[in-house]
Amino acid sequence: LKDAPLLILDEATAHLDAETEQQVLQALDRFMVGRTTLFISHSPAGLALCDEVVDLSRGCCVSIDSLSSKEPDLASGTTTRMKTTVGQT
């Protein structure tokens, strides 16, 4: 991949089994260092890589929060659609 300062990942772990998904997320965690990353996903698995979570509903932004404020919602399964941003500038 090109050494670009911006990385956009749209459903990068979709359709992967849990073990492969974790391997991909570990590789992305290393690759994202020093890059601003837009990580778009319907799965909460990659949220540990993210600094902020943007909740979308019907194409509109519902909220923008830090990951720590989203953790209770994620545990209960109420946050199902998300677009997340990791910024390392």
Protein backbone atom coordinates (compact mmCIF):
# COMPACT_ATOMS: atom_id res chain seq x y z
CA LEU A 1 0.00 0.00 0.00
CA LYS A 2 1.05 3.55 -0.61
CA ASP A 3 2.42 5.36 2.43
CA ALA A 4 -0.47 7.85 2.52
CA PRO A 5 -1.39 9.97 5.57
CA LEU A 6 -5.10 9.08 5.15
CA LEU A 7 -6.44 5.53 5.18
CA ILE A 8 -10.11 4.78 4.36
CA LEU A 9 -11.37 1.30 5.24
CA ASP A 10 -14.94 0.44 4.21
CA GLU A 11 -16.09 -2.87 5.74
CA ALA A 12 -12.48 -4.11 5.81
CA THR A 13 -13.38 -7.12 7.97
CA ALA A 14 -16.77 -7.98 6.47
CA HIS A 15 -17.40 -11.68 5.79
CA LEU A 16 -14.33 -12.84 7.73
CA ASP A 17 -14.40 -15.52 10.40
CA ALA A 18 -13.59 -14.31 13.93
CA GLU A 19 -9.98 -15.55 13.93
CA THR A 20 -9.13 -13.96 10.57
CA GLU A 21 -10.90 -10.76 11.58
CA GLN A 22 -8.67 -10.49 14.66
CA GLN A 23 -5.54 -11.07 12.55
CA VAL A 24 -6.59 -8.33 10.11
CA LEU A 25 -7.38 -5.93 12.98
CA GLN A 26 -3.97 -6.58 14.56
CA ALA A 27 -2.25 -5.83 11.25
CA LEU A 28 -4.34 -2.68 10.78
CA ASP A 29 -3.49 -1.52 14.30
CA ARG A 30 0.19 -1.48 13.33
CA PHE A 31 -0.43 -0.01 9.87
CA MET A 32 -2.64 2.84 11.15
CA VAL A 33 0.07 4.38 13.34
CA GLY A 34 0.75 7.93 12.19
CA ARG A 35 -2.24 7.96 9.82
CA THR A 36 -5.71 9.39 10.06
CA THR A 37 -8.05 6.48 9.45
CA LEU A 38 -11.72 6.32 8.60
CA PHE A 39 -12.90 2.84 9.61
CA ILE A 40 -16.44 2.13 8.38
CA SER A 41 -18.12 -0.97 9.79
CA HIS A 42 -21.37 -2.54 10.91
CA SER A 43 -19.43 -4.75 13.33
CA PRO A 44 -18.15 -3.48 16.70
CA ALA A 45 -15.04 -5.71 16.55
CA GLY A 46 -12.73 -2.98 15.23
CA LEU A 47 -13.78 -0.31 17.69
CA ALA A 48 -10.79 -0.94 19.93
CA LEU A 49 -8.71 0.69 17.18
CA CYS A 50 -10.82 3.86 17.19
CA ASP A 51 -10.66 7.11 19.10
CA GLU A 52 -14.13 8.34 18.19
CA VAL A 53 -17.40 6.72 17.11
CA VAL A 54 -19.93 8.37 14.82
CA ASP A 55 -23.38 6.77 14.96
CA LEU A 56 -25.45 6.99 11.79
CA SER A 57 -29.14 6.34 11.33
CA ARG A 58 -30.76 6.55 7.90
CA GLY A 59 -27.74 8.42 6.56
CA CYS A 60 -27.76 11.09 9.28
CA CYS A 61 -25.29 11.62 12.11
CA VAL A 62 -26.98 10.75 15.40
CA SER A 63 -23.99 11.25 17.70
CA ILE A 64 -20.23 11.63 17.86
CA ASP A 65 -18.63 10.26 21.01
CA SER A 66 -15.39 8.87 22.35
CA LEU A 67 -15.13 5.10 22.40
CA SER A 68 -15.26 5.00 26.22
CA SER A 69 -18.69 6.66 26.24
CA LYS A 70 -19.97 4.09 23.70
CA GLU A 71 -18.82 0.95 25.50
CA PRO A 72 -22.05 0.44 27.54
CA ASP A 73 -24.17 0.72 24.36
CA LEU A 74 -21.91 -1.71 22.53
CA ALA A 75 -22.13 -4.24 25.33
CA SER A 76 -25.93 -4.15 25.18
CA GLY A 77 -25.94 -4.33 21.39
CA THR A 78 -27.88 -1.10 20.87
CA THR A 79 -25.26 0.47 18.61
CA THR A 80 -25.55 -1.46 15.38
CA ARG A 81 -24.57 0.98 12.63
CA MET A 82 -21.39 2.91 13.02
CA LYS A 83 -18.70 4.81 11.24
CA THR A 84 -15.54 5.26 13.26
CA THR A 85 -12.61 7.56 12.99
CA VAL A 86 -9.10 7.08 14.25
CA GLY A 87 -6.95 10.19 14.22
CA GLN A 88 -3.23 10.07 14.85
CA THR A 89 -1.93 13.39 13.69
